């Protein structure tokens, strides 16, 4: 059986909450036990520096997150569990990838564009408050993924772009220096629950509406008691649709228990009684883990030992791989360079390329990107990947395809039709010569 590598990173800027447990921790721990899967889990403390300037918060968050994953059942003997900053090969790989990544690619990153749009709306300079770290974030994420040759990266739909960018980086490097990287794929699970928070919106640190995963029973009772409900009195039938109480209960209960609560809603259960049921059900799941968590959180040396052991396992893969990459780009010892008798390979000419992908709206798109990363063509959405692929094939054949497909192409500012035609011609000539 071939082994598939999964990789997941957790940014160390906050305290894990019930939404993190349901949406990430619980399914990831279950996935780590799947036969034929090799799992990598890391604490993304370099990433944390982009949005958090509080050293104490980052250190505390690292401790809390590590303790949470271990208490939830992650077995460090069966997975590679490490801290990002313990792997010096990752920032080195980040630089190697920086040198093959077009600035135009990074200009289109969602986080950067959102910052620029916010500044523009406020009539500030487009890059006001934008650090190089925020701008380069996708390259560091690419290094995290490509270092360990991950096949699958579980992400939400809002993160698909980062996986596509990592694939672009890998393809660019492989094109210039030979096949070294595995091209990763996004693993999207549409069945993973998203929990509402205390105010009914998505549970998120950004909204300050979370229920910390390992709250004490007393704190858990207080927070659940504060969940917003409507004004329907005891005895009045209540709707499960849109009820934060019901949705959280459902994420922790069996199907039979969920059906029973649904009936109690219809029968007019009092909100106080519903909150008590939720408290008991959540605490039943969390209490055994909470005891383990408290033991771990009070013994940081034990967690440190676990993370360092994980880093050792990770570096057993990263160190020889970065050595291979250094040699590939020419960062070699003079002895190694002097001893080779092979003639240097002819320099490969970078070519424009088509990239096909799926967006959060469920439709399929493609883009045509110049060798330097500039966007030349951008399609509108297609209902099926086959349709997008047929449009690409039509463009690759040349002729009057550009004109025929004009209704399915979105305008790209600053790009002339002649530039697109020349790039398509170069691609066709390279295909004919190969």
Protein backbone atom coordinates (compact mmCIF):
# COMPACT_ATOMS: atom_id res chain seq x y z
CA UNK A 1 0.00 0.00 0.00
CA UNK A 2 1.42 3.38 -0.98
CA UNK A 3 1.70 6.00 1.75
CA UNK A 4 -0.05 9.37 1.45
CA UNK A 5 1.40 12.27 3.40
CA UNK A 6 -0.98 14.71 5.07
CA UNK A 7 0.28 17.96 6.60
CA UNK A 8 -1.55 20.38 8.91
CA UNK A 9 -0.30 23.59 10.54
CA UNK A 10 -1.80 25.43 13.52
CA UNK A 11 -0.91 29.10 14.03
CA UNK A 12 0.10 29.82 17.63
CA UNK A 13 -1.82 33.02 18.34
CA UNK A 14 -4.81 31.92 20.41
CA UNK A 15 -6.40 29.47 22.81
CA UNK A 16 -8.12 26.45 21.18
CA UNK A 17 -11.92 26.56 21.41
CA UNK A 18 -14.80 24.17 20.78
CA UNK A 19 -14.94 25.20 17.12
CA UNK A 20 -11.26 24.27 16.65
CA UNK A 21 -11.92 20.90 18.27
CA UNK A 22 -14.91 20.03 16.08
CA UNK A 23 -13.56 21.50 12.85
CA UNK A 24 -9.87 20.56 13.03
CA UNK A 25 -8.54 18.73 16.07
CA UNK A 26 -11.05 15.86 16.29
CA UNK A 27 -11.11 14.98 12.55
CA UNK A 28 -7.32 15.35 12.27
CA UNK A 29 -6.66 13.02 15.20
CA UNK A 30 -9.05 10.49 13.64
CA UNK A 31 -7.34 10.84 10.24
CA UNK A 32 -3.91 10.25 11.80
CA UNK A 33 -5.00 6.71 12.66
CA UNK A 34 -5.93 5.85 9.06
CA UNK A 35 -3.81 3.04 7.51
CA UNK A 36 -1.57 4.16 4.67
CA UNK A 37 -1.42 7.77 5.92
CA UNK A 38 1.70 9.52 7.20
CA UNK A 39 0.70 12.65 9.14
CA UNK A 40 2.66 15.81 9.88
CA UNK A 41 1.31 18.32 12.41
CA UNK A 42 3.21 21.49 13.24
CA UNK A 43 2.84 24.55 15.44
CA UNK A 44 3.20 27.48 13.03
CA UNK A 45 4.98 29.93 15.32
CA UNK A 46 6.80 31.70 12.45
CA UNK A 47 3.40 32.42 10.92
CA UNK A 48 2.22 33.77 14.28
CA UNK A 49 4.78 36.59 14.08
CA UNK A 50 2.88 38.05 11.11
CA UNK A 51 -0.18 38.92 13.19
CA UNK A 52 0.97 38.87 16.81
CA UNK A 53 3.64 41.08 18.39
CA UNK A 54 3.20 39.73 21.93
CA UNK A 55 6.00 37.22 22.71
CA UNK A 56 4.26 36.01 25.88
CA UNK A 57 1.03 35.31 23.93
CA UNK A 58 2.89 33.32 21.27
CA UNK A 59 4.72 31.21 23.87
CA UNK A 60 1.56 30.59 25.88
CA UNK A 61 -0.44 29.75 22.76
CA UNK A 62 2.23 27.25 21.68
CA UNK A 63 1.91 25.52 25.05
CA UNK A 64 -1.91 25.53 25.02
CA UNK A 65 -2.23 24.26 21.46
CA UNK A 66 0.36 21.51 21.91
CA UNK A 67 -1.34 20.39 25.14
CA UNK A 68 -4.77 20.47 23.45
CA UNK A 69 -3.75 18.25 20.54
CA UNK A 70 -2.00 15.75 22.79
CA UNK A 71 -4.91 15.68 25.25
CA UNK A 72 -7.32 15.10 22.35
CA UNK A 73 -5.49 11.91 21.44
CA UNK A 74 -2.76 12.87 18.97
CA UNK A 75 -0.09 10.17 19.35
CA UNK A 76 3.42 11.66 18.81
CA UNK A 77 4.74 8.14 18.25
CA UNK A 78 2.50 7.66 15.21
CA UNK A 79 2.74 11.15 13.68
CA UNK A 80 5.43 13.79 13.22
CA UNK A 81 4.45 16.57 15.66
CA UNK A 82 6.85 19.51 15.71
CA UNK A 83 7.31 23.25 16.15
CA UNK A 84 7.96 25.14 12.92
CA UNK A 85 10.79 27.24 14.37
CA UNK A 86 12.70 24.08 15.34
CA UNK A 87 13.23 23.27 11.64
CA UNK A 88 15.86 25.74 10.29
CA UNK A 89 15.58 24.16 6.85
CA UNK A 90 12.12 25.74 6.43
CA UNK A 91 13.26 29.41 6.30
CA UNK A 92 16.11 28.36 4.01
CA UNK A 93 13.64 26.69 1.66
CA UNK A 94 11.48 29.81 1.87
CA UNK A 95 14.35 31.80 0.33
CA UNK A 96 14.90 29.24 -2.44
CA UNK A 97 11.21 29.41 -3.31
CA UNK A 98 11.23 33.21 -3.13
CA UNK A 99 13.76 33.20 -5.96
CA UNK A 100 11.44 31.27 -8.32
CA UNK A 101 8.16 32.97 -7.36
CA UNK A 102 6.89 35.92 -9.41
CA UNK A 103 5.92 39.03 -7.47
CA UNK A 104 2.76 39.12 -9.55
CA UNK A 105 1.70 35.83 -7.98
CA UNK A 106 2.06 37.26 -4.47
CA UNK A 107 0.23 40.45 -5.47
CA UNK A 108 -2.89 38.32 -5.93
CA UNK A 109 -2.76 36.61 -2.52
CA UNK A 110 -6.10 37.05 -0.73
CA UNK A 111 -4.66 38.36 2.57
CA UNK A 112 -2.49 40.95 0.82
CA UNK A 113 -5.29 42.05 -1.52
CA UNK A 114 -7.66 42.40 1.45
CA UNK A 115 -5.18 44.71 3.20
CA UNK A 116 -4.71 46.78 0.05
CA UNK A 117 -8.48 47.02 -0.48
CA UNK A 118 -8.99 48.10 3.13
CA UNK A 119 -6.35 50.81 2.78
CA UNK A 120 -7.77 51.97 -0.54
CA UNK A 121 -11.27 52.23 0.94
CA UNK A 122 -9.85 54.33 3.80
CA UNK A 123 -7.93 56.50 1.28
CA UNK A 124 -4.58 55.46 2.73
CA UNK A 125 -1.46 54.34 0.87
CA UNK A 126 -2.14 50.88 -0.59
CA UNK A 127 0.67 49.26 1.43
CA UNK A 128 0.11 51.15 4.67
CA UNK A 129 0.78 48.77 7.58
CA UNK A 130 1.55 45.86 5.25
CA UNK A 131 4.72 44.07 6.34
CA UNK A 132 6.96 42.03 4.08
CA UNK A 133 5.98 39.09 6.31
CA UNK A 134 2.31 39.43 5.34
CA UNK A 135 3.26 39.77 1.68
CA UNK A 136 5.58 36.74 1.77
CA UNK A 137 3.27 34.58 3.89
CA UNK A 138 2.29 32.30 0.97
CA UNK A 139 5.96 31.46 0.30
CA UNK A 140 6.56 30.42 3.91
CA UNK A 141 3.41 28.31 3.75
CA UNK A 142 4.66 26.80 0.51
CA UNK A 143 7.95 25.89 2.21
CA UNK A 144 6.05 24.23 5.09
CA UNK A 145 4.19 22.03 2.62
CA UNK A 146 6.90 21.29 0.06
CA UNK A 147 9.64 20.52 2.61
CA UNK A 148 7.93 17.27 3.58
CA UNK A 149 6.56 16.40 0.13
CA UNK A 150 2.98 16.49 1.39
CA UNK A 151 0.43 14.99 -0.97
CA UNK A 152 -2.66 16.33 0.80
CA UNK A 153 -3.17 19.49 2.87
CA UNK A 154 -6.50 19.71 4.73
CA UNK A 155 -7.71 23.32 4.39
CA UNK A 156 -10.90 25.34 4.29
CA UNK A 157 -12.07 26.71 0.97
CA UNK A 158 -10.60 30.12 1.83
CA UNK A 159 -7.13 28.52 1.89
CA UNK A 160 -7.27 26.75 -1.49
CA UNK A 161 -5.38 29.60 -3.12
CA UNK A 162 -2.34 28.96 -0.90
CA UNK A 163 -2.18 25.34 -2.04
CA UNK A 164 -2.43 26.44 -5.67
CA UNK A 165 0.43 28.88 -5.07
CA UNK A 166 2.54 26.14 -3.46
CA UNK A 167 1.94 24.01 -6.55
CA UNK A 168 3.03 26.91 -8.77
CA UNK A 169 6.23 27.34 -6.74
CA UNK A 170 6.99 23.63 -6.90
CA UNK A 171 6.35 23.50 -10.64
CA UNK A 172 8.58 26.54 -11.26
CA UNK A 173 11.43 25.04 -9.24
CA UNK A 174 11.06 21.62 -10.85
CA UNK A 175 11.04 23.23 -14.29
CA UNK A 176 14.33 25.04 -13.63
CA UNK A 177 16.23 22.48 -11.55
CA UNK A 178 14.68 19.06 -12.13
CA UNK A 179 11.96 17.07 -10.37
CA UNK A 180 12.46 17.60 -6.65
CA UNK A 181 9.06 18.59 -5.26
CA UNK A 182 5.74 16.78 -5.00
CA UNK A 183 2.84 18.97 -6.16
CA UNK A 184 0.41 19.07 -3.21
CA UNK A 185 -3.38 18.97 -3.38
CA UNK A 186 -5.92 20.66 -1.14
CA UNK A 187 -8.03 18.22 0.87
CA UNK A 188 -11.46 19.79 1.39
CA UNK A 189 -13.95 18.14 3.72
CA UNK A 190 -17.33 19.80 3.23
CA UNK A 191 -18.77 17.69 6.05
CA UNK A 192 -16.61 19.20 8.80
CA UNK A 193 -18.83 21.20 11.12
CA UNK A 194 -18.45 24.94 11.65
CA UNK A 195 -19.70 25.87 15.10
CA UNK A 196 -21.55 29.07 15.93
CA UNK A 197 -20.21 31.15 18.80
CA UNK A 198 -21.89 32.81 21.76
CA UNK A 199 -23.49 35.46 19.53
CA UNK A 200 -24.61 33.10 16.74
CA UNK A 201 -21.85 34.08 14.32
CA UNK A 202 -19.08 31.62 13.44
CA UNK A 203 -17.05 30.80 16.56
CA UNK A 204 -13.85 32.77 16.07
CA UNK A 205 -11.21 34.63 18.08
CA UNK A 206 -11.81 37.54 15.70
CA UNK A 207 -15.38 37.89 17.00
CA UNK A 208 -14.46 37.28 20.65
CA UNK A 209 -17.33 34.79 20.87
CA UNK A 210 -15.50 31.55 21.63
CA UNK A 211 -15.85 28.84 24.25
CA UNK A 212 -12.31 27.73 25.20
CA UNK A 213 -11.93 24.00 24.66
CA UNK A 214 -10.67 23.23 28.14
CA UNK A 215 -12.75 25.63 30.18
CA UNK A 216 -13.47 24.41 33.70
CA UNK A 217 -16.97 23.01 34.17
CA UNK A 218 -17.92 26.20 36.03
CA UNK A 219 -16.63 28.43 33.23
CA UNK A 220 -18.27 26.20 30.63
CA UNK A 221 -21.62 26.54 32.42
CA UNK A 222 -21.27 30.33 32.52
CA UNK A 223 -20.35 30.61 28.83
CA UNK A 224 -23.11 28.27 27.67
CA UNK A 225 -25.53 30.27 29.78
CA UNK A 226 -24.56 33.34 27.76
CA UNK A 227 -25.38 31.84 24.35
CA UNK A 228 -27.94 34.05 22.59
CA UNK A 229 -31.44 32.62 22.21
CA UNK A 230 -34.76 34.08 21.10
CA UNK A 231 -37.60 35.24 23.37
CA UNK A 232 -39.82 32.16 23.07
CA UNK A 233 -41.13 31.11 26.46
CA UNK A 234 -41.18 27.57 27.94
CA UNK A 235 -43.88 25.54 26.21
CA UNK A 236 -43.59 27.42 22.92
CA UNK A 237 -42.19 25.31 20.04
CA UNK A 238 -38.69 26.35 19.06
CA UNK A 239 -36.79 26.22 15.77
CA UNK A 240 -33.59 24.18 15.50
CA UNK A 241 -32.69 26.08 12.33
CA UNK A 242 -30.32 28.87 13.28
CA UNK A 243 -30.14 27.79 16.92
CA UNK A 244 -26.53 28.00 18.15
CA UNK A 245 -27.44 25.80 21.13
CA UNK A 246 -28.76 23.04 18.89
CA UNK A 247 -25.84 23.19 16.44
CA UNK A 248 -23.23 22.92 19.18
CA UNK A 249 -25.15 20.06 20.81
CA UNK A 250 -25.39 18.23 17.49
CA UNK A 251 -21.59 18.41 17.06
CA UNK A 252 -21.05 16.53 20.32
CA UNK A 253 -24.06 14.19 20.43
CA UNK A 254 -25.06 10.94 18.76
CA UNK A 255 -27.76 10.89 16.08
CA UNK A 256 -30.27 9.50 18.58
CA UNK A 257 -29.49 12.22 21.12
CA UNK A 258 -29.76 14.88 18.44
CA UNK A 259 -33.14 13.53 17.32
CA UNK A 260 -34.34 13.57 20.92
CA UNK A 261 -33.36 17.22 21.39
CA UNK A 262 -35.01 18.11 18.07
CA UNK A 263 -38.26 16.67 19.44
CA UNK A 264 -37.83 18.58 22.71
CA UNK A 265 -37.45 21.79 20.70
CA UNK A 266 -40.74 21.01 18.97
CA UNK A 267 -42.34 20.32 22.38
CA UNK A 268 -41.24 23.72 23.71
CA UNK A 269 -38.24 22.95 25.93
CA UNK A 270 -37.20 25.89 28.11
CA UNK A 271 -33.96 27.57 27.04
CA UNK A 272 -32.50 27.02 30.49
CA UNK A 273 -33.13 23.28 30.24
CA UNK A 274 -31.64 23.18 26.72
CA UNK A 275 -28.52 24.92 27.98
CA UNK A 276 -28.22 22.42 30.83
CA UNK A 277 -28.46 19.53 28.35
CA UNK A 278 -25.73 21.15 26.25
CA UNK A 279 -23.50 21.62 29.27
CA UNK A 280 -23.82 17.97 30.28
CA UNK A 281 -23.22 16.67 26.75
CA UNK A 282 -20.16 18.82 26.03
CA UNK A 283 -18.68 18.20 29.45
CA UNK A 284 -19.12 14.45 29.00
CA UNK A 285 -16.82 14.62 25.96
CA UNK A 286 -14.36 17.19 27.29
CA UNK A 287 -13.96 16.14 30.94
CA UNK A 288 -11.67 13.11 30.33
CA UNK A 289 -9.48 15.15 27.99
CA UNK A 290 -9.51 18.10 30.39
CA UNK A 291 -7.79 16.04 33.08
CA UNK A 292 -5.03 15.09 30.63
CA UNK A 293 -4.78 18.69 29.41
CA UNK A 294 -4.36 20.05 32.95
CA UNK A 295 -1.63 17.50 33.57
CA UNK A 296 0.21 18.54 30.41
CA UNK A 297 -0.23 22.29 30.80
CA UNK A 298 1.34 22.06 34.24
CA UNK A 299 4.30 20.12 32.88
CA UNK A 300 5.66 22.21 29.98
CA UNK A 301 8.98 20.33 30.08
CA UNK A 302 7.15 17.19 29.00
CA UNK A 303 5.60 18.98 26.03
CA UNK A 304 8.96 20.51 25.13
CA UNK A 305 10.53 17.06 25.08
CA UNK A 306 7.74 15.79 22.82
CA UNK A 307 8.15 18.68 20.38
CA UNK A 308 11.93 18.34 20.23
CA UNK A 309 11.58 14.62 19.54
CA UNK A 310 9.15 15.47 16.74
CA UNK A 311 11.58 18.05 15.36
CA UNK A 312 14.31 15.41 15.30
CA UNK A 313 12.08 13.15 13.22
CA UNK A 314 11.16 16.03 10.91
CA UNK A 315 14.78 17.10 10.44
CA UNK A 316 15.77 13.55 9.55
CA UNK A 317 13.76 14.24 6.38
CA UNK A 318 14.42 17.97 6.00
CA UNK A 319 18.21 18.03 6.37
CA UNK A 320 19.09 15.67 3.49
CA UNK A 321 16.36 17.22 1.33
CA UNK A 322 17.64 20.78 1.76
CA UNK A 323 21.13 19.48 0.98
CA UNK A 324 19.73 18.05 -2.26
CA UNK A 325 18.03 21.35 -3.10
CA UNK A 326 21.13 23.40 -2.33
CA UNK A 327 23.11 21.24 -4.74
CA UNK A 328 20.39 21.52 -7.37
CA UNK A 329 20.56 25.34 -7.44
CA UNK A 330 24.37 25.40 -7.40
CA UNK A 331 25.06 26.05 -3.70
CA UNK A 332 27.77 23.37 -3.62
CA UNK A 333 31.21 22.94 -2.15
CA UNK A 334 34.03 23.88 -4.48
CA UNK A 335 35.32 20.31 -4.25
CA UNK A 336 31.95 19.02 -5.41
CA UNK A 337 31.89 21.55 -8.24
CA UNK A 338 35.46 20.81 -9.29
CA UNK A 339 35.04 17.05 -9.29
CA UNK A 340 32.11 16.94 -11.67
CA UNK A 341 32.92 16.06 -15.26
CA UNK A 342 29.43 16.38 -16.65
CA UNK A 343 28.73 19.21 -19.02
CA UNK A 344 26.25 21.71 -17.58
CA UNK A 345 22.69 21.29 -18.71
CA UNK A 346 21.35 23.77 -21.18
CA UNK A 347 19.40 26.46 -19.42
CA UNK A 348 15.70 25.79 -19.62
CA UNK A 349 13.57 28.62 -20.89
CA UNK A 350 10.68 29.39 -18.58
CA UNK A 351 7.35 29.20 -20.39
CA UNK A 352 3.90 30.64 -19.78
CA UNK A 353 1.39 28.17 -18.39
CA UNK A 354 -2.29 27.51 -17.77
CA UNK A 355 -3.52 26.92 -14.20
CA UNK A 356 -6.94 25.37 -13.64
CA UNK A 357 -8.58 25.61 -10.20
CA UNK A 358 -11.84 25.65 -8.30
CA UNK A 359 -13.10 28.63 -6.29
CA UNK A 360 -15.33 28.85 -3.21
CA UNK A 361 -18.40 29.43 -5.40
CA UNK A 362 -18.02 25.83 -6.65
CA UNK A 363 -17.21 26.88 -10.23
CA UNK A 364 -14.05 26.04 -12.17
CA UNK A 365 -11.68 28.67 -13.50
CA UNK A 366 -8.38 28.90 -15.32
CA UNK A 367 -5.71 31.52 -15.67
CA UNK A 368 -2.89 31.95 -18.18
CA UNK A 369 0.29 33.13 -16.47
CA UNK A 370 3.46 34.48 -18.09
CA UNK A 371 6.85 32.97 -17.21
CA UNK A 372 7.53 35.95 -14.90
CA UNK A 373 4.28 35.41 -12.98
CA UNK A 374 2.20 38.12 -14.69
CA UNK A 375 -1.46 37.29 -15.19
CA UNK A 376 -2.27 37.32 -18.92
CA UNK A 377 -5.72 35.74 -19.07
CA UNK A 378 -8.39 35.06 -16.45
CA UNK A 379 -11.49 33.02 -17.22
CA UNK A 380 -14.98 33.43 -15.85
CA UNK A 381 -16.49 30.45 -13.99
CA UNK A 382 -17.33 27.12 -15.67
CA UNK A 383 -19.82 24.64 -14.21
CA UNK A 384 -17.56 21.62 -14.83
CA UNK A 385 -13.77 21.12 -14.93
CA UNK A 386 -14.17 19.46 -18.33
CA UNK A 387 -15.56 22.70 -19.79
CA UNK A 388 -12.63 24.72 -18.44
CA UNK A 389 -10.20 22.11 -19.81
CA UNK A 390 -11.80 22.24 -23.27
CA UNK A 391 -11.46 26.03 -23.32
CA UNK A 392 -7.77 25.73 -22.44
CA UNK A 393 -7.26 23.16 -25.20
CA UNK A 394 -8.98 25.48 -27.68
CA UNK A 395 -6.67 28.37 -26.70
CA UNK A 396 -3.62 26.15 -27.03
CA UNK A 397 -4.56 25.35 -30.63
CA UNK A 398 -4.39 29.05 -31.50
CA UNK A 399 -6.22 30.45 -34.50
CA UNK A 400 -9.22 32.61 -33.63
CA UNK A 401 -9.71 30.94 -30.22
CA UNK A 402 -9.02 34.16 -28.31
CA UNK A 403 -11.80 35.94 -30.16
CA UNK A 404 -14.20 32.99 -29.96
CA UNK A 405 -13.72 32.63 -26.19
CA UNK A 406 -13.82 36.36 -25.43
CA UNK A 407 -17.19 36.10 -23.57
CA UNK A 408 -15.63 33.57 -21.17
CA UNK A 409 -12.56 35.71 -20.41
CA UNK A 410 -12.44 38.45 -17.79
CA UNK A 411 -10.46 41.59 -18.70
CA UNK A 412 -6.97 41.84 -17.16
CA UNK A 413 -5.84 45.43 -16.63
CA UNK A 414 -2.70 46.44 -18.51
CA UNK A 415 -2.47 43.32 -20.70
CA UNK A 416 -2.52 43.73 -24.47
CA UNK A 417 -4.01 41.12 -26.79
CA UNK A 418 -0.68 40.97 -28.63
CA UNK A 419 1.09 39.92 -25.40
CA UNK A 420 -1.38 37.08 -24.91
CA UNK A 421 -1.08 35.94 -28.51
CA UNK A 422 2.73 35.95 -28.30
CA UNK A 423 2.69 33.91 -25.11
CA UNK A 424 0.31 31.37 -26.63
CA UNK A 425 2.53 31.14 -29.70
CA UNK A 426 5.62 30.53 -27.54
CA UNK A 427 3.79 27.75 -25.71
CA UNK A 428 2.71 26.14 -29.00
CA UNK A 429 6.24 26.28 -30.43
CA UNK A 430 7.71 24.69 -27.31
CA UNK A 431 5.13 21.89 -27.48
CA UNK A 432 5.93 21.26 -31.14
CA UNK A 433 9.67 21.13 -30.43
CA UNK A 434 9.37 18.66 -27.54
